[in-house]
């Protein structure tokens, strides 16, 4: 399927594809071709764990190195809105990259909730007709191809040139997409009355927080309830919903790191032998700060395990203890789930 939409996009069609779990893994190879071709395909990934039928984020997280922008959604309204915003973002001439939109299987895909569907005229005004670009590196084609045969990703046959240019330009395009994501999110909010933080992250009750937890997908909804409960008890905790994982919002977390003393990352994924993707990226983002907050990691919700309000309260309590200088161990833990609401 990925190969089909890649070809359709190449010849000028606006394309969409949906997948889940094993299907996502099966299309790993053609996903590289879609992104290196700078094709603005939009894909929905209905999260399904690799070790069962229930949801976790391992399916899409296993595609981190394929060169796609990745968004994670909290509810079905955000899924619909994200599809519209994804086309506007992906097709922007400053980006021209595919976007994957992840949302939790079963929790969202097998349940119903009210969704406001914008009228066609408003969407058409927000999203102009697709204008295909004939070459695969619209911004810096000549630079990427200088001294080589067209389409070569290295110089082992042609000699000369910069064999890494196409990779470097692709990498820079992903990083530069942050500003476009923010712009599109802001304009969407003005037109339709809904926006999602700044398009990269969404903060909740963080203004005077000593500690925050970071959540993705549907866990963020549960986390809001947990934060409200703890706030009612006078505990200075907050929430950051991480919407855009690729490109990672390094600058946003660096600014947050200057305001809080500890951050707890809830990962609904695990890279076996390495750890949670969010925990690793968060520590990388904060490493260069002169004074870094403590960073804790929690594996929670893998294989569809239910993450309840009380579970998140316990994670936030531990993070708050770290913020106040108490010794906490282990730094990364498999959250003990269950018990309470």
C-alpha atoms as a PDB file:
ATOM      1  CA  UNK A   1       0.000   0.000   0.000  1.00  0.00           C
ATOM      2  CA  UNK A   2       2.799   2.419   0.858  1.00  0.00           C
ATOM      3  CA  UNK A   3       4.394   1.756  -2.521  1.00  0.00           C
ATOM      4  CA  UNK A   4       1.073   2.517  -4.231  1.00  0.00           C
ATOM      5  CA  UNK A   5       0.508   5.868  -2.509  1.00  0.00           C
ATOM      6  CA  UNK A   6       4.147   6.765  -3.086  1.00  0.00           C
ATOM      7  CA  UNK A   7       3.648   6.289  -6.808  1.00  0.00           C
ATOM      8  CA  UNK A   8       0.329   8.164  -6.762  1.00  0.00           C
ATOM      9  CA  UNK A   9       1.930  11.102  -4.978  1.00  0.00           C
ATOM     10  CA  UNK A  10       4.804  11.070  -7.443  1.00  0.00           C
ATOM     11  CA  UNK A  11       2.439  11.599 -10.380  1.00  0.00           C
ATOM     12  CA  UNK A  12       0.580  14.438  -8.653  1.00  0.00           C
ATOM     13  CA  UNK A  13      -2.269  12.993  -6.555  1.00  0.00           C
ATOM     14  CA  UNK A  14      -3.032  14.018  -2.996  1.00  0.00           C
ATOM     15  CA  UNK A  15      -2.728  10.711  -1.148  1.00  0.00           C
ATOM     16  CA  UNK A  16      -3.737   9.125   2.164  1.00  0.00           C
ATOM     17  CA  UNK A  17      -3.064   5.714   3.674  1.00  0.00           C
ATOM     18  CA  UNK A  18      -3.996   4.055   6.964  1.00  0.00           C
ATOM     19  CA  UNK A  19      -2.252   1.190   8.736  1.00  0.00           C
ATOM     20  CA  UNK A  20      -1.750  -0.484  12.094  1.00  0.00           C
ATOM     21  CA  UNK A  21       0.666  -2.738  13.961  1.00  0.00           C
ATOM     22  CA  UNK A  22       2.116  -5.432  11.656  1.00  0.00           C
ATOM     23  CA  UNK A  23       0.989  -3.498   8.583  1.00  0.00           C
ATOM     24  CA  UNK A  24       3.055  -0.570   9.785  1.00  0.00           C
ATOM     25  CA  UNK A  25       6.113  -2.788  10.161  1.00  0.00           C
ATOM     26  CA  UNK A  26       5.552  -4.365   6.754  1.00  0.00           C
ATOM     27  CA  UNK A  27       5.783  -0.962   5.034  1.00  0.00           C
ATOM     28  CA  UNK A  28       9.039   0.056   6.726  1.00  0.00           C
ATOM     29  CA  UNK A  29      11.133  -0.097   3.567  1.00  0.00           C
ATOM     30  CA  UNK A  30       8.838   1.902   1.233  1.00  0.00           C
ATOM     31  CA  UNK A  31       8.396   4.532   3.956  1.00  0.00           C
ATOM     32  CA  UNK A  32      12.050   5.441   3.454  1.00  0.00           C
ATOM     33  CA  UNK A  33      11.419   5.918  -0.256  1.00  0.00           C
ATOM     34  CA  UNK A  34       8.376   8.126   0.352  1.00  0.00           C
ATOM     35  CA  UNK A  35      10.273  10.481   2.627  1.00  0.00           C
ATOM     36  CA  UNK A  36      13.507  10.592   0.630  1.00  0.00           C
ATOM     37  CA  UNK A  37      11.350  11.361  -2.405  1.00  0.00           C
ATOM     38  CA  UNK A  38       9.970  14.358  -0.480  1.00  0.00           C
ATOM     39  CA  UNK A  39       6.406  13.206  -1.134  1.00  0.00           C
ATOM     40  CA  UNK A  40       3.711  14.792   1.099  1.00  0.00           C
ATOM     41  CA  UNK A  41       1.784  11.593   1.845  1.00  0.00           C
ATOM     42  CA  UNK A  42      -0.420  11.625   4.955  1.00  0.00           C
ATOM     43  CA  UNK A  43      -0.764   8.362   6.899  1.00  0.00           C
ATOM     44  CA  UNK A  44      -2.878   7.405   9.903  1.00  0.00           C
ATOM     45  CA  UNK A  45      -1.404   4.779  12.206  1.00  0.00           C
ATOM     46  CA  UNK A  46      -3.972   3.142  14.477  1.00  0.00           C
ATOM     47  CA  UNK A  47      -1.629   2.041  17.241  1.00  0.00           C
ATOM     48  CA  UNK A  48      -1.436  -1.680  17.882  1.00  0.00           C
ATOM     49  CA  UNK A  49       1.310  -3.298  19.921  1.00  0.00           C
ATOM     50  CA  UNK A  50       3.712  -5.675  18.247  1.00  0.00           C
ATOM     51  CA  UNK A  51       3.160  -8.368  20.869  1.00  0.00           C
ATOM     52  CA  UNK A  52      -0.628  -8.423  20.828  1.00  0.00           C
ATOM     53  CA  UNK A  53      -3.837  -6.833  19.580  1.00  0.00           C
ATOM     54  CA  UNK A  54      -4.040  -4.024  22.123  1.00  0.00           C
ATOM     55  CA  UNK A  55      -2.549  -0.544  21.635  1.00  0.00           C
ATOM     56  CA  UNK A  56       0.855   0.850  22.378  1.00  0.00           C
ATOM     57  CA  UNK A  57       3.098   3.174  20.392  1.00  0.00           C
ATOM     58  CA  UNK A  58       5.768   0.658  19.436  1.00  0.00           C
ATOM     59  CA  UNK A  59       4.467   0.282  15.872  1.00  0.00           C
ATOM     60  CA  UNK A  60       4.982   3.914  14.861  1.00  0.00           C
ATOM     61  CA  UNK A  61       7.968   4.454  17.159  1.00  0.00           C
ATOM     62  CA  UNK A  62       9.764   1.712  15.255  1.00  0.00           C
ATOM     63  CA  UNK A  63       9.655   4.040  12.222  1.00  0.00           C
ATOM     64  CA  UNK A  64      11.530   6.931  13.847  1.00  0.00           C
ATOM     65  CA  UNK A  65      14.410   6.739  11.377  1.00  0.00           C
ATOM     66  CA  UNK A  66      12.309   6.643   8.213  1.00  0.00           C
ATOM     67  CA  UNK A  67      12.304  10.422   7.799  1.00  0.00           C
ATOM     68  CA  UNK A  68       8.598  11.052   8.447  1.00  0.00           C
ATOM     69  CA  UNK A  69       7.147  13.762  10.658  1.00  0.00           C
ATOM     70  CA  UNK A  70       5.227  12.064  13.502  1.00  0.00           C
ATOM     71  CA  UNK A  71       2.179  13.383  15.374  1.00  0.00           C
ATOM     72  CA  UNK A  72       0.365  11.643  18.260  1.00  0.00           C
ATOM     73  CA  UNK A  73      -3.310  12.380  18.989  1.00  0.00           C
ATOM     74  CA  UNK A  74      -5.264  12.458  22.229  1.00  0.00           C
ATOM     75  CA  UNK A  75      -8.834  12.087  20.951  1.00  0.00           C
ATOM     76  CA  UNK A  76     -10.834  11.613  17.775  1.00  0.00           C
ATOM     77  CA  UNK A  77     -11.402  15.327  17.262  1.00  0.00           C
ATOM     78  CA  UNK A  78      -7.659  15.805  17.215  1.00  0.00           C
ATOM     79  CA  UNK A  79      -7.312  12.963  14.706  1.00  0.00           C
ATOM     80  CA  UNK A  80      -9.664  14.644  12.236  1.00  0.00           C
ATOM     81  CA  UNK A  81      -8.132  18.079  12.745  1.00  0.00           C
ATOM     82  CA  UNK A  82      -4.632  16.661  12.402  1.00  0.00           C
ATOM     83  CA  UNK A  83      -5.401  15.124   9.006  1.00  0.00           C
ATOM     84  CA  UNK A  84      -6.439  18.529   7.680  1.00  0.00           C
ATOM     85  CA  UNK A  85      -3.416  20.242   9.223  1.00  0.00           C
ATOM     86  CA  UNK A  86      -1.107  17.483   8.015  1.00  0.00           C
ATOM     87  CA  UNK A  87      -1.877  18.114   4.351  1.00  0.00           C
ATOM     88  CA  UNK A  88      -1.340  21.846   4.800  1.00  0.00           C
ATOM     89  CA  UNK A  89       1.981  21.195   6.567  1.00  0.00           C
ATOM     90  CA  UNK A  90       3.276  18.373   4.379  1.00  0.00           C
ATOM     91  CA  UNK A  91       2.531  20.194   1.124  1.00  0.00           C
ATOM     92  CA  UNK A  92       4.161  23.447   2.215  1.00  0.00           C
ATOM     93  CA  UNK A  93       7.136  24.087  -0.069  1.00  0.00           C
ATOM     94  CA  UNK A  94       9.319  24.616   3.003  1.00  0.00           C
ATOM     95  CA  UNK A  95       8.538  21.066   4.148  1.00  0.00           C
ATOM     96  CA  UNK A  96       7.476  18.624   1.405  1.00  0.00           C
ATOM     97  CA  UNK A  97       7.642  15.615   3.685  1.00  0.00           C
ATOM     98  CA  UNK A  98       5.202  12.838   4.641  1.00  0.00           C
ATOM     99  CA  UNK A  99       3.404  12.957   7.987  1.00  0.00           C
ATOM    100  CA  UNK A 100       2.271  10.022  10.148  1.00  0.00           C
ATOM    101  CA  UNK A 101      -0.646  10.621  12.523  1.00  0.00           C
ATOM    102  CA  UNK A 102      -0.802   8.129  15.380  1.00  0.00           C
ATOM    103  CA  UNK A 103      -3.832   7.409  17.547  1.00  0.00           C
ATOM    104  CA  UNK A 104      -4.517   4.646  20.030  1.00  0.00           C
ATOM    105  CA  UNK A 105      -6.257   1.575  18.676  1.00  0.00           C
ATOM    106  CA  UNK A 106      -9.350   0.268  20.481  1.00  0.00           C
ATOM    107  CA  UNK A 107      -9.397   3.235  22.893  1.00  0.00           C
ATOM    108  CA  UNK A 108     -10.134   5.594  19.999  1.00  0.00           C
ATOM    109  CA  UNK A 109     -10.561   3.423  16.915  1.00  0.00           C
ATOM    110  CA  UNK A 110     -13.180   1.090  18.446  1.00  0.00           C
ATOM    111  CA  UNK A 111     -15.133   3.690  20.391  1.00  0.00           C
ATOM    112  CA  UNK A 112     -17.371   6.591  19.416  1.00  0.00           C
ATOM    113  CA  UNK A 113     -17.232  10.182  20.592  1.00  0.00           C
ATOM    114  CA  UNK A 114     -18.661  13.459  19.284  1.00  0.00           C
ATOM    115  CA  UNK A 115     -16.522  15.056  16.580  1.00  0.00           C
ATOM    116  CA  UNK A 116     -17.157  18.442  15.008  1.00  0.00           C
ATOM    117  CA  UNK A 117     -16.694  18.165  11.253  1.00  0.00           C
ATOM    118  CA  UNK A 118     -15.830  21.485   9.604  1.00  0.00           C
ATOM    119  CA  UNK A 119     -17.740  22.446   6.474  1.00  0.00           C
ATOM    120  CA  UNK A 120     -16.196  21.759   3.085  1.00  0.00           C
ATOM    121  CA  UNK A 121     -15.902  25.407   2.067  1.00  0.00           C
ATOM    122  CA  UNK A 122     -13.911  26.300   5.187  1.00  0.00           C
ATOM    123  CA  UNK A 123     -11.549  23.363   4.690  1.00  0.00           C
ATOM    124  CA  UNK A 124     -11.084  24.242   1.020  1.00  0.00           C
ATOM    125  CA  UNK A 125     -10.189  27.792   2.000  1.00  0.00           C
ATOM    126  CA  UNK A 126      -7.700  26.550   4.604  1.00  0.00           C
ATOM    127  CA  UNK A 127      -6.233  23.825   2.391  1.00  0.00           C
ATOM    128  CA  UNK A 128      -5.492  24.973  -1.161  1.00  0.00           C
ATOM    129  CA  UNK A 129      -5.314  22.507  -4.075  1.00  0.00           C
ATOM    130  CA  UNK A 130      -2.227  20.318  -4.140  1.00  0.00           C
ATOM    131  CA  UNK A 131       0.536  21.603  -6.402  1.00  0.00           C
ATOM    132  CA  UNK A 132       2.984  18.772  -7.129  1.00  0.00           C
ATOM    133  CA  UNK A 133       6.650  19.603  -7.621  1.00  0.00           C
ATOM    134  CA  UNK A 134       8.418  17.593 -10.334  1.00  0.00           C
ATOM    135  CA  UNK A 135      11.680  16.752  -8.569  1.00  0.00           C
ATOM    136  CA  UNK A 136      12.426  14.986  -5.310  1.00  0.00           C
ATOM    137  CA  UNK A 137      14.369  17.784  -3.610  1.00  0.00           C
ATOM    138  CA  UNK A 138      12.379  20.907  -4.457  1.00  0.00           C
ATOM    139  CA  UNK A 139      14.362  23.288  -2.277  1.00  0.00           C
ATOM    140  CA  UNK A 140      17.971  22.260  -2.968  1.00  0.00           C
ATOM    141  CA  UNK A 141      17.974  19.739  -5.806  1.00  0.00           C
ATOM    142  CA  UNK A 142      21.070  21.113  -7.523  1.00  0.00           C
ATOM    143  CA  UNK A 143      23.096  21.011  -4.310  1.00  0.00           C
ATOM    144  CA  UNK A 144      22.139  17.406  -3.626  1.00  0.00           C
ATOM    145  CA  UNK A 145      22.926  16.229  -7.137  1.00  0.00           C
ATOM    146  CA  UNK A 146      26.054  18.261  -7.913  1.00  0.00           C
ATOM    147  CA  UNK A 147      28.827  16.011  -9.217  1.00  0.00           C
ATOM    148  CA  UNK A 148      26.697  12.846  -9.344  1.00  0.00           C
ATOM    149  CA  UNK A 149      24.196  11.074 -11.476  1.00  0.00           C
ATOM    150  CA  UNK A 150      20.605  12.027 -10.667  1.00  0.00           C
ATOM    151  CA  UNK A 151      19.077   9.886  -7.955  1.00  0.00           C
ATOM    152  CA  UNK A 152      22.348   8.595  -6.512  1.00  0.00           C
ATOM    153  CA  UNK A 153      22.423   8.715  -2.718  1.00  0.00           C
ATOM    154  CA  UNK A 154      26.190   8.131  -2.576  1.00  0.00           C
ATOM    155  CA  UNK A 155      29.310   8.598  -4.668  1.00  0.00           C
ATOM    156  CA  UNK A 156      30.560   5.010  -4.892  1.00  0.00           C
ATOM    157  CA  UNK A 157      29.823   4.946  -8.638  1.00  0.00           C
ATOM    158  CA  UNK A 158      29.791   8.558  -9.790  1.00  0.00           C
ATOM    159  CA  UNK A 159      32.668   9.909  -7.701  1.00  0.00           C
ATOM    160  CA  UNK A 160      32.950  13.471  -6.403  1.00  0.00           C
ATOM    161  CA  UNK A 161      30.121  15.576  -5.102  1.00  0.00           C
ATOM    162  CA  UNK A 162      28.759  15.321  -1.581  1.00  0.00           C
ATOM    163  CA  UNK A 163      27.420  11.800  -0.980  1.00  0.00           C
ATOM    164  CA  UNK A 164      25.694  12.912   2.224  1.00  0.00           C
ATOM    165  CA  UNK A 165      23.941  15.961   0.778  1.00  0.00           C
ATOM    166  CA  UNK A 166      20.527  14.361   0.241  1.00  0.00           C
ATOM    167  CA  UNK A 167      20.500  13.027   3.819  1.00  0.00           C
ATOM    168  CA  UNK A 168      21.616  16.365   5.263  1.00  0.00           C
ATOM    169  CA  UNK A 169      19.019  18.342   3.322  1.00  0.00           C
ATOM    170  CA  UNK A 170      16.283  15.883   4.363  1.00  0.00           C
ATOM    171  CA  UNK A 171      17.351  16.167   8.013  1.00  0.00           C
ATOM    172  CA  UNK A 172      17.364  19.957   7.865  1.00  0.00           C
ATOM    173  CA  UNK A 173      13.908  19.980   6.265  1.00  0.00           C
ATOM    174  CA  UNK A 174      12.489  17.969   9.168  1.00  0.00           C
ATOM    175  CA  UNK A 175      14.054  20.315  11.719  1.00  0.00           C
ATOM    176  CA  UNK A 176      12.830  23.384   9.834  1.00  0.00           C
ATOM    177  CA  UNK A 177       9.288  22.012   9.730  1.00  0.00           C
ATOM    178  CA  UNK A 178       8.796  23.045  13.364  1.00  0.00           C
ATOM    179  CA  UNK A 179       8.006  26.624  12.397  1.00  0.00           C
ATOM    180  CA  UNK A 180       5.574  25.527   9.690  1.00  0.00           C
ATOM    181  CA  UNK A 181       3.819  23.188  12.146  1.00  0.00           C
ATOM    182  CA  UNK A 182       3.413  26.099  14.559  1.00  0.00           C
ATOM    183  CA  UNK A 183       2.093  28.408  11.834  1.00  0.00           C
ATOM    184  CA  UNK A 184      -0.438  25.873  10.565  1.00  0.00           C
ATOM    185  CA  UNK A 185      -1.638  25.059  14.091  1.00  0.00           C
ATOM    186  CA  UNK A 186      -2.103  28.767  14.851  1.00  0.00           C
ATOM    187  CA  UNK A 187      -4.037  29.457  11.652  1.00  0.00           C
ATOM    188  CA  UNK A 188      -6.183  26.362  12.156  1.00  0.00           C
ATOM    189  CA  UNK A 189      -7.076  27.650  15.618  1.00  0.00           C
ATOM    190  CA  UNK A 190      -8.130  31.037  14.256  1.00  0.00           C
ATOM    191  CA  UNK A 191     -10.272  29.502  11.519  1.00  0.00           C
ATOM    192  CA  UNK A 192     -11.875  26.594  13.358  1.00  0.00           C
ATOM    193  CA  UNK A 193     -11.646  27.537  17.045  1.00  0.00           C
ATOM    194  CA  UNK A 194      -9.403  24.630  18.039  1.00  0.00           C
ATOM    195  CA  UNK A 195      -5.651  24.375  18.311  1.00  0.00           C
ATOM    196  CA  UNK A 196      -3.261  22.022  20.055  1.00  0.00           C
ATOM    197  CA  UNK A 197      -0.769  23.954  22.147  1.00  0.00           C
ATOM    198  CA  UNK A 198       1.768  25.359  19.736  1.00  0.00           C
ATOM    199  CA  UNK A 199       1.482  22.325  17.444  1.00  0.00           C
ATOM    200  CA  UNK A 200       4.502  20.641  19.016  1.00  0.00           C
ATOM    201  CA  UNK A 201       3.603  20.487  22.707  1.00  0.00           C
ATOM    202  CA  UNK A 202       0.613  21.481  24.809  1.00  0.00           C
ATOM    203  CA  UNK A 203       1.173  22.563  28.406  1.00  0.00           C
ATOM    204  CA  UNK A 204      -1.438  22.136  31.128  1.00  0.00           C
ATOM    205  CA  UNK A 205      -1.140  23.832  34.538  1.00  0.00           C
ATOM    206  CA  UNK A 206       2.635  24.211  34.257  1.00  0.00           C
ATOM    207  CA  UNK A 207       2.898  27.923  35.111  1.00  0.00           C
ATOM    208  CA  UNK A 208       4.009  27.476  38.724  1.00  0.00           C
ATOM    209  CA  UNK A 209       4.754  23.742  38.649  1.00  0.00           C
ATOM    210  CA  UNK A 210       7.803  22.272  40.360  1.00  0.00           C
ATOM    211  CA  UNK A 211       7.372  18.974  38.508  1.00  0.00           C
ATOM    212  CA  UNK A 212       5.618  17.929  35.312  1.00  0.00           C
ATOM    213  CA  UNK A 213       4.756  14.657  33.636  1.00  0.00           C
ATOM    214  CA  UNK A 214       4.893  14.238  29.859  1.00  0.00           C
ATOM    215  CA  UNK A 215       2.281  12.077  28.141  1.00  0.00           C
ATOM    216  CA  UNK A 216       1.294  11.169  24.590  1.00  0.00           C
ATOM    217  CA  UNK A 217      -1.956  10.041  23.027  1.00  0.00           C
ATOM    218  CA  UNK A 218      -4.942   9.079  25.162  1.00  0.00           C
ATOM    219  CA  UNK A 219      -2.850   8.888  28.330  1.00  0.00           C
ATOM    220  CA  UNK A 220      -2.775  12.696  28.225  1.00  0.00           C
ATOM    221  CA  UNK A 221      -6.541  12.808  28.853  1.00  0.00           C
ATOM    222  CA  UNK A 222      -6.195  10.648  31.947  1.00  0.00           C
ATOM    223  CA  UNK A 223      -3.226  12.708  33.073  1.00  0.00           C
ATOM    224  CA  UNK A 224      -5.279  15.927  33.042  1.00  0.00           C
ATOM    225  CA  UNK A 225      -7.640  14.423  35.615  1.00  0.00           C
ATOM    226  CA  UNK A 226      -4.705  13.296  37.757  1.00  0.00           C
ATOM    227  CA  UNK A 227      -3.107  16.748  37.628  1.00  0.00           C
ATOM    228  CA  UNK A 228      -6.384  18.436  38.580  1.00  0.00           C
ATOM    229  CA  UNK A 229      -6.759  16.146  41.592  1.00  0.00           C
ATOM    230  CA  UNK A 230      -3.231  16.791  42.776  1.00  0.00           C
ATOM    231  CA  UNK A 231      -3.610  20.531  42.241  1.00  0.00           C
ATOM    232  CA  UNK A 232      -6.734  20.474  44.418  1.00  0.00           C
ATOM    233  CA  UNK A 233      -4.494  19.032  47.136  1.00  0.00           C
ATOM    234  CA  UNK A 234      -2.023  21.886  46.727  1.00  0.00           C
ATOM    235  CA  UNK A 235       0.643  19.883  44.897  1.00  0.00           C
ATOM    236  CA  UNK A 236       2.524  21.963  42.275  1.00  0.00           C
ATOM    237  CA  UNK A 237       2.493  19.555  39.339  1.00  0.00           C
ATOM    238  CA  UNK A 238       1.678  20.013  35.665  1.00  0.00           C
ATOM    239  CA  UNK A 239       1.340  18.163  32.375  1.00  0.00           C
ATOM    240  CA  UNK A 240       2.950  18.473  28.965  1.00  0.00           C
ATOM    241  CA  UNK A 241       1.222  16.674  26.116  1.00  0.00           C
ATOM    242  CA  UNK A 242       3.796  15.743  23.498  1.00  0.00           C
ATOM    243  CA  UNK A 243       2.036  15.945  20.117  1.00  0.00           C
ATOM    244  CA  UNK A 244       4.957  16.170  17.678  1.00  0.00           C
ATOM    245  CA  UNK A 245       7.626  13.552  18.287  1.00  0.00           C
ATOM    246  CA  UNK A 246       9.485  14.053  14.994  1.00  0.00           C
ATOM    247  CA  UNK A 247      10.885  16.657  14.853  1.00  0.00           C
ATOM    248  CA  UNK A 248      11.377  16.518  18.606  1.00  0.00           C
ATOM    249  CA  UNK A 249      10.508  19.862  20.274  1.00  0.00           C
ATOM    250  CA  UNK A 250      13.934  20.275  21.856  1.00  0.00           C
ATOM    251  CA  UNK A 251      13.660  24.040  22.332  1.00  0.00           C
ATOM    252  CA  UNK A 252      10.282  23.794  24.069  1.00  0.00           C
ATOM    253  CA  UNK A 253      11.608  21.274  26.579  1.00  0.00           C
ATOM    254  CA  UNK A 254      14.740  23.323  27.152  1.00  0.00           C
ATOM    255  CA  UNK A 255      12.568  26.305  28.079  1.00  0.00           C
ATOM    256  CA  UNK A 256      10.459  24.077  30.308  1.00  0.00           C
ATOM    257  CA  UNK A 257      13.624  22.668  31.881  1.00  0.00           C
ATOM    258  CA  UNK A 258      14.576  26.149  33.065  1.00  0.00           C
ATOM    259  CA  UNK A 259      11.264  26.456  34.942  1.00  0.00           C
ATOM    260  CA  UNK A 260      10.773  23.075  36.602  1.00  0.00           C
ATOM    261  CA  UNK A 261      12.938  20.867  38.789  1.00  0.00           C
ATOM    262  CA  UNK A 262      11.866  17.435  37.561  1.00  0.00           C
ATOM    263  CA  UNK A 263      10.161  15.893  34.536  1.00  0.00           C
ATOM    264  CA  UNK A 264       8.596  12.435  34.381  1.00  0.00           C
ATOM    265  CA  UNK A 265       8.277  10.921  30.898  1.00  0.00           C
ATOM    266  CA  UNK A 266       5.491   8.375  30.396  1.00  0.00           C
ATOM    267  CA  UNK A 267       6.422   6.094  27.488  1.00  0.00           C
ATOM    268  CA  UNK A 268       3.815   3.843  25.901  1.00  0.00           C
ATOM    269  CA  UNK A 269       6.665   2.220  23.998  1.00  0.00           C
ATOM    270  CA  UNK A 270       9.995   0.534  24.628  1.00  0.00           C
ATOM    271  CA  UNK A 271      13.076   0.065  22.483  1.00  0.00           C
ATOM    272  CA  UNK A 272      14.159  -3.251  23.936  1.00  0.00           C
ATOM    273  CA  UNK A 273      17.598  -3.008  25.481  1.00  0.00           C
ATOM    274  CA  UNK A 274      17.686   0.786  25.158  1.00  0.00           C
ATOM    275  CA  UNK A 275      14.569   2.159  26.824  1.00  0.00           C
ATOM    276  CA  UNK A 276      11.635   4.436  26.117  1.00  0.00           C
ATOM    277  CA  UNK A 277      11.970   6.680  23.090  1.00  0.00           C
ATOM    278  CA  UNK A 278      10.521   9.690  24.884  1.00  0.00           C
ATOM    279  CA  UNK A 279      12.798   9.316  27.894  1.00  0.00           C
ATOM    280  CA  UNK A 280      15.896   9.124  25.703  1.00  0.00           C
ATOM    281  CA  UNK A 281      14.940  12.100  23.542  1.00  0.00           C
ATOM    282  CA  UNK A 282      13.999  14.184  26.562  1.00  0.00           C
ATOM    283  CA  UNK A 283      17.347  13.606  28.237  1.00  0.00           C
ATOM    284  CA  UNK A 284      19.135  14.419  25.004  1.00  0.00           C
ATOM    285  CA  UNK A 285      17.179  17.667  24.679  1.00  0.00           C
ATOM    286  CA  UNK A 286      18.091  18.776  28.202  1.00  0.00           C
ATOM    287  CA  UNK A 287      21.715  17.635  28.236  1.00  0.00           C
ATOM    288  CA  UNK A 288      23.249  20.973  27.216  1.00  0.00           C
ATOM    289  CA  UNK A 289      21.453  23.026  29.871  1.00  0.00           C
ATOM    290  CA  UNK A 290      23.791  24.383  32.543  1.00  0.00           C
ATOM    291  CA  UNK A 291      21.267  23.384  35.203  1.00  0.00           C
ATOM    292  CA  UNK A 292      19.159  20.410  34.224  1.00  0.00           C
ATOM    293  CA  UNK A 293      15.979  19.171  35.870  1.00  0.00           C
ATOM    294  CA  UNK A 294      15.849  15.594  37.071  1.00  0.00           C
ATOM    295  CA  UNK A 295      14.364  13.313  34.402  1.00  0.00           C
ATOM    296  CA  UNK A 296      12.468  10.148  35.336  1.00  0.00           C
ATOM    297  CA  UNK A 297      11.052   7.517  33.013  1.00  0.00           C
ATOM    298  CA  UNK A 298       7.917   5.387  33.307  1.00  0.00           C
ATOM    299  CA  UNK A 299       6.930   2.533  31.004  1.00  0.00           C
ATOM    300  CA  UNK A 300       3.137   2.440  31.065  1.00  0.00           C
ATOM    301  CA  UNK A 301       0.361   1.205  28.826  1.00  0.00           C
ATOM    302  CA  UNK A 302       2.313  -1.258  26.697  1.00  0.00           C
ATOM    303  CA  UNK A 303       0.275  -4.086  25.132  1.00  0.00           C
ATOM    304  CA  UNK A 304      -2.865  -2.117  25.948  1.00  0.00           C
ATOM    305  CA  UNK A 305      -2.382  -2.138  29.719  1.00  0.00           C
ATOM    306  CA  UNK A 306      -4.847   0.322  31.223  1.00  0.00           C
ATOM    307  CA  UNK A 307      -3.309   3.453  32.712  1.00  0.00           C
ATOM    308  CA  UNK A 308      -5.617   4.915  35.333  1.00  0.00           C
ATOM    309  CA  UNK A 309      -5.767   8.236  37.133  1.00  0.00           C
ATOM    310  CA  UNK A 310      -4.227   6.813  40.285  1.00  0.00           C
ATOM    311  CA  UNK A 311      -1.375   5.310  38.259  1.00  0.00           C
ATOM    312  CA  UNK A 312      -0.454   8.729  36.906  1.00  0.00           C
ATOM    313  CA  UNK A 313      -0.815  10.298  40.341  1.00  0.00           C
ATOM    314  CA  UNK A 314       1.830   7.867  41.610  1.00  0.00           C
ATOM    315  CA  UNK A 315       4.168   8.784  38.747  1.00  0.00           C
ATOM    316  CA  UNK A 316       3.633  12.486  39.379  1.00  0.00           C
ATOM    317  CA  UNK A 317       4.188  12.001  43.130  1.00  0.00           C
ATOM    318  CA  UNK A 318       7.533  10.342  42.467  1.00  0.00           C
ATOM    319  CA  UNK A 319       8.507  13.110  40.056  1.00  0.00           C
ATOM    320  CA  UNK A 320       7.568  15.749  42.626  1.00  0.00           C
ATOM    321  CA  UNK A 321       9.735  14.012  45.226  1.00  0.00           C
ATOM    322  CA  UNK A 322      12.663  14.174  42.805  1.00  0.00           C
ATOM    323  CA  UNK A 323      11.963  17.867  42.245  1.00  0.00           C
ATOM    324  CA  UNK A 324      12.229  18.458  45.997  1.00  0.00           C
ATOM    325  CA  UNK A 325      15.574  16.729  46.253  1.00  0.00           C
ATOM    326  CA  UNK A 326      14.442  13.392  47.648  1.00  0.00           C
ATOM    327  CA  UNK A 327      16.255  10.290  46.454  1.00  0.00           C
ATOM    328  CA  UNK A 328      14.120   8.266  44.065  1.00  0.00           C
ATOM    329  CA  UNK A 329      14.955   4.852  42.714  1.00  0.00           C
ATOM    330  CA  UNK A 330      14.885   3.557  40.069  1.00  0.00           C
ATOM    331  CA  UNK A 331      15.196   6.490  37.659  1.00  0.00           C
ATOM    332  CA  UNK A 332      13.331   4.452  35.036  1.00  0.00           C
ATOM    333  CA  UNK A 333      10.658   2.002  36.130  1.00  0.00           C
ATOM    334  CA  UNK A 334       7.975  -0.278  34.795  1.00  0.00           C
ATOM    335  CA  UNK A 335       4.971   1.455  36.325  1.00  0.00           C
ATOM    336  CA  UNK A 336       2.881  -0.744  38.591  1.00  0.00           C
ATOM    337  CA  UNK A 337      -0.570  -0.297  37.097  1.00  0.00           C
ATOM    338  CA  UNK A 338      -3.959  -1.006  38.592  1.00  0.00           C
ATOM    339  CA  UNK A 339      -5.755  -0.098  41.752  1.00  0.00           C
ATOM    340  CA  UNK A 340      -8.134   2.828  41.999  1.00  0.00           C
ATOM    341  CA  UNK A 341      -9.778   4.785  39.230  1.00  0.00           C
END
